[in-house]
Amino acid sequence: MDTIGPEQRSRVMAAIKSCNTKPELAVRRMLHALGFRFRLHRKDLPGRPDIVLPKYKTVVLVNGCFWHQHAGCKLASRPASHQEYWEPKLDRNIERDKANCAKLTALGWRVVMIWECELRDASDVSLRLMNCLKHPSDSVDESYFG
């Protein structure tokens, strides 16, 4: 059950950012420290990826575990209140993410997905980014979808 009123809930929801989030900024700092240069939120690519590395034909998606429903993550629990709103919304997010990744892959882009919870171990994420960019695979890791 929601413990705050509708007006306060509206203010909280309106304050949630879609760009330049703390997890996204952390990944950008990592990439920059590793010597990679990138572009942000390219409008000409499906889903406006968070980070685009044109030289490597790679996009990095930095996803919040709740909003993008990271499978098996404790941060991805669904709200118990207003389920008629949250269930379709979160399901649409998952489907949109899958569709955007498929479109990006079809256009020849590699997709690297970083989850908010993974940033707790920055060295692991940094190593993964380095490996993905220096030794690229051909497709997105489907195990990251919920």
N, C-alpha and C. Protein backbone atom coordinates (compact mmCIF):
# COMPACT_ATOMS: atom_id res chain seq x y z
N MET A 1 0.83 -1.18 0.00
CA MET A 1 0.00 0.00 0.00
C MET A 1 0.88 1.24 0.00
N ASP A 2 0.48 2.23 -0.76
CA ASP A 2 1.23 3.48 -0.86
C ASP A 2 1.08 4.27 0.43
N THR A 3 2.20 4.70 0.99
CA THR A 3 2.17 5.39 2.28
C THR A 3 2.17 6.90 2.16
N ILE A 4 2.25 7.42 0.94
CA ILE A 4 2.20 8.87 0.77
C ILE A 4 1.03 9.25 -0.12
N GLY A 5 0.65 10.51 -0.07
CA GLY A 5 -0.50 10.98 -0.83
C GLY A 5 -0.22 11.12 -2.31
N PRO A 6 -1.30 11.25 -3.10
CA PRO A 6 -1.15 11.34 -4.55
C PRO A 6 -0.32 12.54 -5.02
N GLU A 7 -0.44 13.68 -4.36
CA GLU A 7 0.32 14.86 -4.77
C GLU A 7 1.82 14.65 -4.54
N GLN A 8 2.15 14.11 -3.37
CA GLN A 8 3.56 13.85 -3.08
C GLN A 8 4.11 12.76 -3.99
N ARG A 9 3.30 11.72 -4.27
CA ARG A 9 3.73 10.66 -5.19
C ARG A 9 3.98 11.24 -6.57
N SER A 10 3.15 12.15 -7.01
CA SER A 10 3.31 12.79 -8.31
C SER A 10 4.63 13.55 -8.37
N ARG A 11 4.97 14.27 -7.31
CA ARG A 11 6.23 15.01 -7.28
C ARG A 11 7.43 14.05 -7.31
N VAL A 12 7.33 12.96 -6.57
CA VAL A 12 8.41 11.97 -6.55
C VAL A 12 8.61 11.38 -7.95
N MET A 13 7.53 10.99 -8.60
CA MET A 13 7.63 10.38 -9.93
C MET A 13 8.14 11.38 -10.97
N ALA A 14 7.74 12.64 -10.85
CA ALA A 14 8.18 13.66 -11.80
C ALA A 14 9.67 13.94 -11.68
N ALA A 15 10.26 13.68 -10.51
CA ALA A 15 11.67 13.96 -10.29
C ALA A 15 12.59 12.86 -10.82
N ILE A 16 12.04 11.74 -11.25
CA ILE A 16 12.85 10.63 -11.75
C ILE A 16 13.38 10.97 -13.14
N LYS A 17 14.70 10.88 -13.29
CA LYS A 17 15.36 11.26 -14.54
C LYS A 17 15.50 10.06 -15.47
N SER A 18 15.54 10.34 -16.76
CA SER A 18 15.78 9.27 -17.73
C SER A 18 17.19 9.34 -18.30
N CYS A 19 17.84 10.49 -18.21
CA CYS A 19 19.19 10.69 -18.71
C CYS A 19 20.07 11.22 -17.59
N ASN A 20 21.36 10.94 -17.73
CA ASN A 20 22.34 11.43 -16.76
C ASN A 20 22.05 10.97 -15.33
N THR A 21 21.66 9.72 -15.20
CA THR A 21 21.40 9.15 -13.88
C THR A 21 22.74 8.80 -13.22
N LYS A 22 22.73 8.55 -11.92
CA LYS A 22 23.97 8.21 -11.22
C LYS A 22 24.64 6.96 -11.81
N PRO A 23 23.89 5.88 -12.09
CA PRO A 23 24.54 4.72 -12.70
C PRO A 23 25.15 5.04 -14.07
N GLU A 24 24.43 5.82 -14.87
CA GLU A 24 24.94 6.19 -16.19
C GLU A 24 26.22 7.02 -16.06
N LEU A 25 26.23 7.97 -15.15
CA LEU A 25 27.42 8.80 -14.95
C LEU A 25 28.61 7.95 -14.49
N ALA A 26 28.34 6.95 -13.65
CA ALA A 26 29.41 6.07 -13.17
C ALA A 26 30.02 5.29 -14.33
N VAL A 27 29.19 4.78 -15.23
CA VAL A 27 29.70 4.02 -16.39
C VAL A 27 30.47 4.95 -17.32
N ARG A 28 29.97 6.15 -17.51
CA ARG A 28 30.68 7.11 -18.36
C ARG A 28 32.06 7.43 -17.79
N ARG A 29 32.14 7.61 -16.47
CA ARG A 29 33.44 7.86 -15.84
C ARG A 29 34.39 6.68 -16.06
N MET A 30 33.86 5.46 -15.92
CA MET A 30 34.68 4.26 -16.14
C MET A 30 35.23 4.23 -17.56
N LEU A 31 34.35 4.42 -18.53
CA LEU A 31 34.77 4.37 -19.93
C LEU A 31 35.82 5.44 -20.22
N HIS A 32 35.59 6.62 -19.70
CA HIS A 32 36.53 7.72 -19.93
C HIS A 32 37.90 7.39 -19.31
N ALA A 33 37.88 6.84 -18.09
CA ALA A 33 39.12 6.47 -17.42
C ALA A 33 39.87 5.37 -18.17
N LEU A 34 39.12 4.51 -18.87
CA LEU A 34 39.74 3.45 -19.66
C LEU A 34 40.26 3.95 -21.00
N GLY A 35 39.99 5.22 -21.30
CA GLY A 35 40.49 5.81 -22.53
C GLY A 35 39.52 5.79 -23.69
N PHE A 36 38.28 5.39 -23.47
CA PHE A 36 37.29 5.35 -24.54
C PHE A 36 36.57 6.69 -24.66
N ARG A 37 36.28 7.07 -25.88
CA ARG A 37 35.51 8.28 -26.13
C ARG A 37 34.18 7.86 -26.73
N PHE A 38 33.15 8.62 -26.44
CA PHE A 38 31.80 8.17 -26.79
C PHE A 38 30.88 9.35 -27.03
N ARG A 39 29.71 9.04 -27.53
CA ARG A 39 28.63 10.01 -27.72
C ARG A 39 27.49 9.59 -26.81
N LEU A 40 26.60 10.54 -26.53
CA LEU A 40 25.49 10.27 -25.61
C LEU A 40 24.14 10.38 -26.31
N HIS A 41 23.24 9.48 -26.00
CA HIS A 41 21.82 9.57 -26.36
C HIS A 41 21.58 9.94 -27.82
N ARG A 42 22.20 9.20 -28.74
CA ARG A 42 22.04 9.50 -30.16
C ARG A 42 20.60 9.27 -30.59
N LYS A 43 19.99 10.32 -31.07
CA LYS A 43 18.58 10.28 -31.45
C LYS A 43 18.32 9.47 -32.72
N ASP A 44 19.37 9.24 -33.52
CA ASP A 44 19.18 8.51 -34.77
C ASP A 44 19.26 6.99 -34.58
N LEU A 45 19.47 6.53 -33.34
CA LEU A 45 19.51 5.10 -33.07
C LEU A 45 18.28 4.67 -32.27
N PRO A 46 17.80 3.46 -32.49
CA PRO A 46 16.62 2.99 -31.76
C PRO A 46 16.80 3.06 -30.24
N GLY A 47 15.86 3.67 -29.57
CA GLY A 47 15.86 3.74 -28.12
C GLY A 47 16.78 4.79 -27.53
N ARG A 48 17.43 5.59 -28.37
CA ARG A 48 18.38 6.61 -27.89
C ARG A 48 19.32 6.03 -26.84
N PRO A 49 20.24 5.14 -27.23
CA PRO A 49 21.12 4.47 -26.27
C PRO A 49 21.85 5.47 -25.38
N ASP A 50 22.10 5.06 -24.13
CA ASP A 50 22.76 5.93 -23.16
C ASP A 50 24.15 6.35 -23.62
N ILE A 51 24.92 5.37 -24.08
CA ILE A 51 26.31 5.63 -24.48
C ILE A 51 26.57 4.95 -25.82
N VAL A 52 27.15 5.69 -26.76
CA VAL A 52 27.42 5.16 -28.09
C VAL A 52 28.91 5.31 -28.37
N LEU A 53 29.55 4.20 -28.71
CA LEU A 53 30.96 4.20 -29.08
C LEU A 53 31.06 3.90 -30.57
N PRO A 54 30.97 4.93 -31.41
CA PRO A 54 30.91 4.71 -32.86
C PRO A 54 32.12 3.96 -33.41
N LYS A 55 33.30 4.24 -32.87
CA LYS A 55 34.53 3.59 -33.35
C LYS A 55 34.44 2.08 -33.21
N TYR A 56 33.73 1.60 -32.20
CA TYR A 56 33.61 0.17 -31.92
C TYR A 56 32.25 -0.39 -32.35
N LYS A 57 31.42 0.50 -32.95
CA LYS A 57 30.06 0.12 -33.37
C LYS A 57 29.33 -0.60 -32.21
N THR A 58 29.43 0.01 -31.02
CA THR A 58 28.89 -0.56 -29.79
C THR A 58 28.07 0.48 -29.04
N VAL A 59 26.97 0.04 -28.47
CA VAL A 59 26.19 0.90 -27.58
C VAL A 59 26.18 0.27 -26.20
N VAL A 60 26.16 1.13 -25.19
CA VAL A 60 26.09 0.67 -23.80
C VAL A 60 24.77 1.18 -23.23
N LEU A 61 23.96 0.26 -22.76
CA LEU A 61 22.70 0.61 -22.11
C LEU A 61 22.89 0.45 -20.62
N VAL A 62 22.63 1.50 -19.87
CA VAL A 62 22.75 1.46 -18.42
C VAL A 62 21.33 1.45 -17.87
N ASN A 63 20.92 0.29 -17.36
CA ASN A 63 19.54 0.11 -16.95
C ASN A 63 19.37 0.07 -15.44
N GLY A 64 18.33 0.75 -14.98
CA GLY A 64 17.92 0.63 -13.59
C GLY A 64 17.21 -0.70 -13.41
N CYS A 65 17.53 -1.42 -12.36
CA CYS A 65 16.98 -2.76 -12.16
C CYS A 65 15.46 -2.74 -12.02
N PHE A 66 14.92 -1.74 -11.33
CA PHE A 66 13.46 -1.67 -11.15
C PHE A 66 12.77 -1.33 -12.47
N TRP A 67 13.17 -0.26 -13.11
CA TRP A 67 12.47 0.23 -14.30
C TRP A 67 12.56 -0.73 -15.47
N HIS A 68 13.65 -1.47 -15.56
CA HIS A 68 13.82 -2.39 -16.69
C HIS A 68 13.70 -3.85 -16.26
N GLN A 69 13.32 -4.07 -14.99
CA GLN A 69 13.01 -5.41 -14.45
C GLN A 69 14.13 -6.42 -14.70
N HIS A 70 15.25 -6.19 -14.04
CA HIS A 70 16.40 -7.10 -14.10
C HIS A 70 15.99 -8.44 -13.49
N ALA A 71 16.01 -9.48 -14.30
CA ALA A 71 15.56 -10.81 -13.87
C ALA A 71 16.40 -11.31 -12.70
N GLY A 72 15.74 -11.74 -11.64
CA GLY A 72 16.40 -12.33 -10.49
C GLY A 72 17.04 -11.34 -9.53
N CYS A 73 16.84 -10.05 -9.77
CA CYS A 73 17.46 -9.02 -8.93
C CYS A 73 16.48 -8.55 -7.86
N LYS A 74 16.97 -8.41 -6.64
CA LYS A 74 16.07 -7.98 -5.55
C LYS A 74 15.62 -6.53 -5.73
N LEU A 75 16.33 -5.75 -6.52
CA LEU A 75 15.93 -4.37 -6.78
C LEU A 75 14.78 -4.27 -7.79
N ALA A 76 14.43 -5.39 -8.40
CA ALA A 76 13.43 -5.40 -9.46
C ALA A 76 12.05 -5.87 -8.98
N SER A 77 11.81 -5.82 -7.70
CA SER A 77 10.51 -6.28 -7.21
C SER A 77 9.41 -5.33 -7.68
N ARG A 78 8.27 -5.90 -7.97
CA ARG A 78 7.15 -5.09 -8.46
C ARG A 78 6.31 -4.57 -7.30
N PRO A 79 5.82 -3.35 -7.44
CA PRO A 79 5.02 -2.76 -6.36
C PRO A 79 3.75 -3.56 -6.08
N ALA A 80 3.37 -3.59 -4.81
CA ALA A 80 2.15 -4.31 -4.43
C ALA A 80 0.91 -3.44 -4.63
N SER A 81 1.07 -2.13 -4.60
CA SER A 81 -0.08 -1.25 -4.79
C SER A 81 -0.15 -0.78 -6.24
N HIS A 82 -1.33 -0.45 -6.69
CA HIS A 82 -1.59 0.05 -8.04
C HIS A 82 -1.04 -0.89 -9.11
N GLN A 83 -1.25 -2.18 -8.92
CA GLN A 83 -0.73 -3.16 -9.86
C GLN A 83 -1.32 -2.99 -11.26
N GLU A 84 -2.55 -2.48 -11.35
CA GLU A 84 -3.17 -2.27 -12.65
C GLU A 84 -2.39 -1.25 -13.47
N TYR A 85 -1.65 -0.38 -12.81
CA TYR A 85 -0.78 0.59 -13.48
C TYR A 85 0.62 0.00 -13.74
N TRP A 86 1.22 -0.57 -12.69
CA TRP A 86 2.62 -0.99 -12.75
C TRP A 86 2.86 -2.20 -13.64
N GLU A 87 1.99 -3.20 -13.58
CA GLU A 87 2.23 -4.42 -14.37
C GLU A 87 2.38 -4.12 -15.86
N PRO A 88 1.40 -3.44 -16.48
CA PRO A 88 1.57 -3.16 -17.93
C PRO A 88 2.74 -2.23 -18.22
N LYS A 89 2.98 -1.26 -17.34
CA LYS A 89 4.07 -0.31 -17.56
C LYS A 89 5.42 -1.02 -17.58
N LEU A 90 5.67 -1.84 -16.57
CA LEU A 90 6.95 -2.54 -16.50
C LEU A 90 7.09 -3.58 -17.60
N ASP A 91 5.99 -4.25 -17.94
CA ASP A 91 6.02 -5.20 -19.06
C ASP A 91 6.34 -4.50 -20.38
N ARG A 92 5.76 -3.31 -20.59
CA ARG A 92 6.06 -2.53 -21.81
C ARG A 92 7.54 -2.16 -21.86
N ASN A 93 8.11 -1.79 -20.71
CA ASN A 93 9.53 -1.44 -20.67
C ASN A 93 10.39 -2.62 -21.13
N ILE A 94 10.07 -3.82 -20.64
CA ILE A 94 10.83 -5.01 -21.01
C ILE A 94 10.72 -5.26 -22.52
N GLU A 95 9.51 -5.19 -23.05
CA GLU A 95 9.29 -5.44 -24.48
C GLU A 95 9.99 -4.38 -25.33
N ARG A 96 9.91 -3.13 -24.91
CA ARG A 96 10.57 -2.05 -25.65
C ARG A 96 12.09 -2.27 -25.67
N ASP A 97 12.66 -2.67 -24.52
CA ASP A 97 14.10 -2.93 -24.45
C ASP A 97 14.50 -4.04 -25.42
N LYS A 98 13.73 -5.12 -25.43
CA LYS A 98 14.03 -6.23 -26.34
C LYS A 98 13.97 -5.79 -27.80
N ALA A 99 12.92 -5.02 -28.14
CA ALA A 99 12.74 -4.54 -29.51
C ALA A 99 13.88 -3.61 -29.91
N ASN A 100 14.26 -2.70 -29.04
CA ASN A 100 15.35 -1.77 -29.35
C ASN A 100 16.68 -2.51 -29.53
N CYS A 101 16.94 -3.49 -28.69
CA CYS A 101 18.17 -4.28 -28.83
C CYS A 101 18.18 -5.05 -30.15
N ALA A 102 17.04 -5.61 -30.51
CA ALA A 102 16.94 -6.34 -31.78
C ALA A 102 17.18 -5.40 -32.96
N LYS A 103 16.61 -4.20 -32.90
CA LYS A 103 16.81 -3.22 -33.98
C LYS A 103 18.27 -2.80 -34.07
N LEU A 104 18.88 -2.53 -32.93
CA LEU A 104 20.29 -2.13 -32.91
C LEU A 104 21.17 -3.23 -33.49
N THR A 105 20.92 -4.47 -33.09
CA THR A 105 21.69 -5.61 -33.59
C THR A 105 21.50 -5.76 -35.10
N ALA A 106 20.26 -5.57 -35.56
CA ALA A 106 19.98 -5.67 -37.00
C ALA A 106 20.72 -4.59 -37.79
N LEU A 107 20.95 -3.45 -37.15
CA LEU A 107 21.68 -2.37 -37.80
C LEU A 107 23.21 -2.55 -37.71
N GLY A 108 23.63 -3.65 -37.08
CA GLY A 108 25.06 -3.94 -36.99
C GLY A 108 25.74 -3.42 -35.73
N TRP A 109 24.98 -2.97 -34.75
CA TRP A 109 25.55 -2.48 -33.49
C TRP A 109 25.62 -3.60 -32.49
N ARG A 110 26.69 -3.62 -31.69
CA ARG A 110 26.78 -4.52 -30.55
C ARG A 110 26.15 -3.81 -29.36
N VAL A 111 25.47 -4.57 -28.53
CA VAL A 111 24.78 -4.00 -27.37
C VAL A 111 25.39 -4.57 -26.10
N VAL A 112 25.84 -3.68 -25.22
CA VAL A 112 26.35 -4.07 -23.91
C VAL A 112 25.37 -3.49 -22.89
N MET A 113 24.84 -4.35 -22.05
CA MET A 113 23.87 -3.91 -21.06
C MET A 113 24.51 -3.97 -19.67
N ILE A 114 24.48 -2.84 -18.98
CA ILE A 114 24.99 -2.75 -17.62
C ILE A 114 23.80 -2.48 -16.71
N TRP A 115 23.66 -3.29 -15.68
CA TRP A 115 22.57 -3.13 -14.72
C TRP A 115 23.04 -2.34 -13.50
N GLU A 116 22.15 -1.58 -12.95
CA GLU A 116 22.41 -0.75 -11.77
C GLU A 116 23.08 -1.54 -10.65
N CYS A 117 22.59 -2.75 -10.38
CA CYS A 117 23.13 -3.56 -9.28
C CYS A 117 24.57 -4.02 -9.54
N GLU A 118 24.96 -4.13 -10.82
CA GLU A 118 26.30 -4.57 -11.16
C GLU A 118 27.35 -3.52 -10.80
N LEU A 119 26.92 -2.28 -10.65
CA LEU A 119 27.87 -1.20 -10.40
C LEU A 119 28.41 -1.22 -8.98
N ARG A 120 27.90 -2.11 -8.15
CA ARG A 120 28.46 -2.27 -6.80
C ARG A 120 29.89 -2.79 -6.87
N ASP A 121 30.18 -3.55 -7.92
CA ASP A 121 31.54 -4.06 -8.13
C ASP A 121 32.09 -3.36 -9.38
N ALA A 122 32.59 -2.15 -9.18
CA ALA A 122 33.04 -1.32 -10.30
C ALA A 122 34.17 -1.98 -11.08
N SER A 123 35.06 -2.68 -10.41
CA SER A 123 36.19 -3.29 -11.12
C SER A 123 35.70 -4.38 -12.07
N ASP A 124 34.65 -5.12 -11.67
CA ASP A 124 34.11 -6.16 -12.53
C ASP A 124 33.46 -5.55 -13.77
N VAL A 125 32.71 -4.46 -13.57
CA VAL A 125 32.06 -3.79 -14.70
C VAL A 125 33.12 -3.20 -15.63
N SER A 126 34.14 -2.59 -15.06
CA SER A 126 35.21 -2.00 -15.84
C SER A 126 35.91 -3.07 -16.69
N LEU A 127 36.20 -4.21 -16.10
CA LEU A 127 36.82 -5.32 -16.83
C LEU A 127 35.91 -5.82 -17.93
N ARG A 128 34.62 -5.95 -17.63
CA ARG A 128 33.66 -6.41 -18.62
C ARG A 128 33.58 -5.44 -19.80
N LEU A 129 33.56 -4.14 -19.52
CA LEU A 129 33.52 -3.15 -20.59
C LEU A 129 34.77 -3.25 -21.46
N MET A 130 35.91 -3.36 -20.81
CA MET A 130 37.18 -3.47 -21.54
C MET A 130 37.16 -4.71 -22.44
N ASN A 131 36.73 -5.84 -21.91
CA ASN A 131 36.67 -7.07 -22.70
C ASN A 131 35.69 -6.97 -23.86
N CYS A 132 34.54 -6.37 -23.61
CA CYS A 132 33.53 -6.23 -24.66
C CYS A 132 34.03 -5.35 -25.80
N LEU A 133 34.78 -4.31 -25.46
CA LEU A 133 35.22 -3.38 -26.48
C LEU A 133 36.51 -3.83 -27.17
N LYS A 134 37.37 -4.49 -26.45
CA LYS A 134 38.61 -4.97 -27.06
C LYS A 134 38.46 -6.32 -27.75
N HIS A 135 37.53 -7.15 -27.26
CA HIS A 135 37.28 -8.48 -27.82
C HIS A 135 35.78 -8.63 -28.02
N PRO A 136 35.21 -7.94 -28.98
CA PRO A 136 33.76 -7.90 -29.12
C PRO A 136 33.14 -9.22 -29.57
N SER A 137 31.94 -9.46 -29.08
CA SER A 137 31.13 -10.58 -29.57
C SER A 137 30.15 -10.01 -30.58
N ASP A 138 29.42 -10.86 -31.24
CA ASP A 138 28.55 -10.39 -32.31
C ASP A 138 27.15 -9.99 -31.88
N SER A 139 26.75 -10.33 -30.66
CA SER A 139 25.36 -10.05 -30.31
C SER A 139 25.21 -9.69 -28.85
N VAL A 140 24.01 -9.26 -28.52
CA VAL A 140 23.66 -8.90 -27.16
C VAL A 140 23.51 -10.18 -26.34
N ASP A 141 23.82 -10.12 -25.07
CA ASP A 141 23.66 -11.25 -24.17
C ASP A 141 22.21 -11.31 -23.74
N GLU A 142 21.45 -12.24 -24.32
CA GLU A 142 20.01 -12.35 -24.05
C GLU A 142 19.68 -12.70 -22.61
N SER A 143 20.66 -13.21 -21.85
CA SER A 143 20.38 -13.57 -20.47
C SER A 143 20.10 -12.35 -19.61
N TYR A 144 20.34 -11.16 -20.13
CA TYR A 144 20.12 -9.95 -19.36
C TYR A 144 18.67 -9.50 -19.38
N PHE A 145 17.85 -10.13 -20.19
CA PHE A 145 16.44 -9.72 -20.26
C PHE A 145 15.62 -10.49 -19.26
N GLY A 146 14.71 -9.76 -18.60
CA GLY A 146 13.83 -10.37 -17.60
C GLY A 146 12.66 -11.07 -18.19
